[in-house]
């Protein structure tokens, strides 16, 4: 059964997403999917979202923009 895990990103978004979507761990990315963004450009979209939040005063300081599922 799949379950959600939320991990704070302690490295750059790009490094975290590269690790999460590693082809060796995801059956050559067969298990990678996304909603509302592309896995290849997600780090750029996360950065843009974070900048827009800061500009609009909505930044809460958390970096939980990336949530992914794992199998137990």
N, C-alpha and C. Protein backbone atom coordinates (compact mmCIF):
# COMPACT_ATOMS: atom_id res chain seq x y z
N UNK A 1 0.83 -1.17 0.00
CA UNK A 1 0.00 0.00 0.00
C UNK A 1 0.88 1.24 0.00
N UNK A 2 0.53 2.24 -0.78
CA UNK A 2 1.28 3.48 -0.85
C UNK A 2 0.90 4.38 0.32
N UNK A 3 1.84 5.20 0.74
CA UNK A 3 1.55 6.16 1.79
C UNK A 3 2.34 7.44 1.51
N UNK A 4 1.91 8.52 2.12
CA UNK A 4 2.57 9.81 1.93
C UNK A 4 3.60 10.05 3.01
N UNK A 5 4.70 10.65 2.61
CA UNK A 5 5.70 11.10 3.56
C UNK A 5 6.05 12.52 3.20
N UNK A 6 6.20 13.35 4.19
CA UNK A 6 6.61 14.73 3.98
C UNK A 6 7.98 14.90 4.62
N UNK A 7 8.95 15.29 3.80
CA UNK A 7 10.30 15.52 4.28
C UNK A 7 10.68 16.97 4.01
N UNK A 8 11.26 17.65 4.99
CA UNK A 8 11.76 18.99 4.70
C UNK A 8 12.94 18.89 3.74
N UNK A 9 13.03 19.81 2.81
CA UNK A 9 14.13 19.80 1.86
C UNK A 9 15.30 20.55 2.48
N UNK A 10 16.40 19.83 2.71
CA UNK A 10 17.56 20.44 3.36
C UNK A 10 18.68 20.73 2.36
N UNK A 11 18.45 20.38 1.11
CA UNK A 11 19.38 20.71 0.03
C UNK A 11 18.59 21.51 -1.00
N UNK A 12 19.18 21.76 -2.16
CA UNK A 12 18.44 22.50 -3.17
C UNK A 12 17.28 21.65 -3.70
N UNK A 13 16.26 22.33 -4.21
CA UNK A 13 15.11 21.62 -4.78
C UNK A 13 15.56 20.67 -5.89
N UNK A 14 16.49 21.13 -6.72
CA UNK A 14 16.97 20.32 -7.85
C UNK A 14 17.61 19.03 -7.35
N UNK A 15 18.46 19.11 -6.34
CA UNK A 15 19.12 17.91 -5.80
C UNK A 15 18.09 16.97 -5.18
N UNK A 16 17.12 17.53 -4.46
CA UNK A 16 16.09 16.70 -3.84
C UNK A 16 15.26 15.98 -4.90
N UNK A 17 14.85 16.70 -5.94
CA UNK A 17 14.04 16.09 -7.00
C UNK A 17 14.84 15.07 -7.80
N UNK A 18 16.12 15.34 -8.02
CA UNK A 18 16.95 14.35 -8.71
C UNK A 18 17.03 13.06 -7.90
N UNK A 19 17.15 13.18 -6.58
CA UNK A 19 17.19 12.00 -5.71
C UNK A 19 15.84 11.27 -5.72
N UNK A 20 14.76 12.03 -5.60
CA UNK A 20 13.42 11.45 -5.54
C UNK A 20 13.06 10.73 -6.84
N UNK A 21 13.47 11.29 -7.97
CA UNK A 21 13.11 10.72 -9.28
C UNK A 21 14.23 9.88 -9.88
N UNK A 22 15.16 9.44 -9.06
CA UNK A 22 16.29 8.62 -9.51
C UNK A 22 15.77 7.42 -10.32
N UNK A 23 16.20 7.27 -11.58
CA UNK A 23 15.72 6.17 -12.43
C UNK A 23 15.99 4.78 -11.84
N UNK A 24 17.06 4.64 -11.05
CA UNK A 24 17.37 3.35 -10.43
C UNK A 24 16.35 2.96 -9.37
N UNK A 25 15.70 3.95 -8.77
CA UNK A 25 14.73 3.70 -7.70
C UNK A 25 13.28 3.74 -8.18
N UNK A 26 13.06 4.22 -9.39
CA UNK A 26 11.69 4.44 -9.86
C UNK A 26 11.39 3.67 -11.14
N UNK A 27 12.03 2.52 -11.32
CA UNK A 27 11.83 1.71 -12.53
C UNK A 27 11.97 2.57 -13.79
N UNK A 28 13.15 3.18 -13.92
CA UNK A 28 13.45 4.06 -15.06
C UNK A 28 12.40 5.17 -15.20
N UNK A 29 12.00 5.74 -14.07
CA UNK A 29 11.03 6.84 -13.96
C UNK A 29 9.60 6.43 -14.31
N UNK A 30 9.34 5.15 -14.43
CA UNK A 30 7.99 4.67 -14.67
C UNK A 30 7.07 5.03 -13.50
N UNK A 31 7.62 5.07 -12.30
CA UNK A 31 6.83 5.36 -11.10
C UNK A 31 6.76 6.84 -10.77
N UNK A 32 7.30 7.70 -11.63
CA UNK A 32 7.29 9.15 -11.40
C UNK A 32 6.09 9.76 -12.12
N UNK A 33 5.32 10.53 -11.39
CA UNK A 33 4.21 11.25 -12.00
C UNK A 33 4.11 12.62 -11.32
N UNK A 34 3.33 13.49 -11.90
CA UNK A 34 3.19 14.82 -11.33
C UNK A 34 1.80 15.35 -11.61
N UNK A 35 1.45 16.37 -10.89
CA UNK A 35 0.16 17.04 -11.08
C UNK A 35 0.41 18.54 -11.03
N UNK A 36 0.11 19.22 -12.09
CA UNK A 36 0.25 20.67 -12.11
C UNK A 36 1.64 21.16 -12.46
N UNK A 37 2.58 20.24 -12.68
CA UNK A 37 3.93 20.63 -13.10
C UNK A 37 4.60 19.42 -13.73
N UNK A 38 5.71 19.66 -14.36
CA UNK A 38 6.48 18.58 -14.97
C UNK A 38 7.62 18.20 -14.03
N UNK A 39 7.90 16.90 -13.84
CA UNK A 39 9.02 16.52 -12.98
C UNK A 39 10.35 17.14 -13.43
N UNK A 40 10.50 17.36 -14.73
CA UNK A 40 11.75 17.92 -15.24
C UNK A 40 11.92 19.40 -14.91
N UNK A 41 10.83 20.12 -14.72
CA UNK A 41 10.92 21.56 -14.44
C UNK A 41 10.36 21.93 -13.07
N UNK A 42 10.07 20.96 -12.25
CA UNK A 42 9.44 21.22 -10.95
C UNK A 42 10.30 22.12 -10.07
N UNK A 43 11.62 21.94 -10.08
CA UNK A 43 12.48 22.78 -9.24
C UNK A 43 12.37 24.26 -9.61
N UNK A 44 12.27 24.54 -10.90
CA UNK A 44 12.11 25.93 -11.35
C UNK A 44 10.74 26.47 -10.93
N UNK A 45 9.72 25.64 -11.06
CA UNK A 45 8.37 26.07 -10.68
C UNK A 45 8.26 26.27 -9.17
N UNK A 46 8.93 25.43 -8.38
CA UNK A 46 8.95 25.61 -6.92
C UNK A 46 9.61 26.94 -6.57
N UNK A 47 10.73 27.25 -7.24
CA UNK A 47 11.44 28.50 -6.97
C UNK A 47 10.56 29.70 -7.33
N UNK A 48 9.89 29.62 -8.47
CA UNK A 48 9.00 30.71 -8.88
C UNK A 48 7.86 30.89 -7.88
N UNK A 49 7.29 29.78 -7.41
CA UNK A 49 6.20 29.85 -6.43
C UNK A 49 6.70 30.47 -5.13
N UNK A 50 7.89 30.06 -4.69
CA UNK A 50 8.46 30.59 -3.46
C UNK A 50 8.70 32.10 -3.59
N UNK A 51 9.23 32.54 -4.74
CA UNK A 51 9.47 33.96 -4.96
C UNK A 51 8.17 34.75 -4.99
N UNK A 52 7.12 34.20 -5.61
CA UNK A 52 5.83 34.88 -5.64
C UNK A 52 5.25 34.99 -4.23
N UNK A 53 5.43 33.95 -3.41
CA UNK A 53 4.95 34.00 -2.03
C UNK A 53 5.67 35.09 -1.25
N UNK A 54 6.98 35.17 -1.43
CA UNK A 54 7.75 36.21 -0.74
C UNK A 54 7.31 37.59 -1.18
N UNK A 55 7.11 37.76 -2.49
CA UNK A 55 6.72 39.06 -3.04
C UNK A 55 5.35 39.48 -2.52
N UNK A 56 4.43 38.54 -2.35
CA UNK A 56 3.08 38.84 -1.90
C UNK A 56 2.91 38.74 -0.39
N UNK A 57 4.01 38.51 0.34
CA UNK A 57 3.95 38.43 1.79
C UNK A 57 3.29 37.17 2.31
N UNK A 58 3.23 36.13 1.50
CA UNK A 58 2.57 34.89 1.91
C UNK A 58 3.56 33.81 2.37
N UNK A 59 4.86 34.11 2.33
CA UNK A 59 5.88 33.12 2.68
C UNK A 59 5.81 32.81 4.17
N UNK A 60 5.62 31.55 4.50
CA UNK A 60 5.53 31.13 5.90
C UNK A 60 6.84 30.51 6.39
N UNK A 61 7.85 30.46 5.50
CA UNK A 61 9.15 29.95 5.91
C UNK A 61 9.31 28.45 5.77
N UNK A 62 8.24 27.72 5.44
CA UNK A 62 8.39 26.28 5.29
C UNK A 62 8.72 25.94 3.84
N UNK A 63 9.35 24.82 3.64
CA UNK A 63 9.74 24.39 2.30
C UNK A 63 9.02 23.12 1.90
N UNK A 64 7.82 22.90 2.37
CA UNK A 64 7.08 21.69 2.06
C UNK A 64 6.31 21.84 0.75
N UNK A 65 7.02 22.15 -0.32
CA UNK A 65 6.40 22.26 -1.62
C UNK A 65 6.38 20.92 -2.33
N UNK A 66 7.16 19.99 -1.86
CA UNK A 66 7.29 18.70 -2.55
C UNK A 66 6.81 17.58 -1.63
N UNK A 67 5.78 16.88 -2.06
CA UNK A 67 5.25 15.74 -1.33
C UNK A 67 5.25 14.58 -2.30
N UNK A 68 5.72 13.42 -1.85
CA UNK A 68 5.75 12.29 -2.76
C UNK A 68 5.31 11.02 -2.06
N UNK A 69 4.90 10.05 -2.84
CA UNK A 69 4.41 8.77 -2.31
C UNK A 69 5.52 7.72 -2.40
N UNK A 70 5.54 6.85 -1.43
CA UNK A 70 6.45 5.71 -1.48
C UNK A 70 5.65 4.45 -1.18
N UNK A 71 6.17 3.33 -1.59
CA UNK A 71 5.51 2.06 -1.28
C UNK A 71 6.20 1.43 -0.09
N UNK A 72 5.43 0.82 0.78
CA UNK A 72 5.96 0.20 1.97
C UNK A 72 6.40 -1.22 1.68
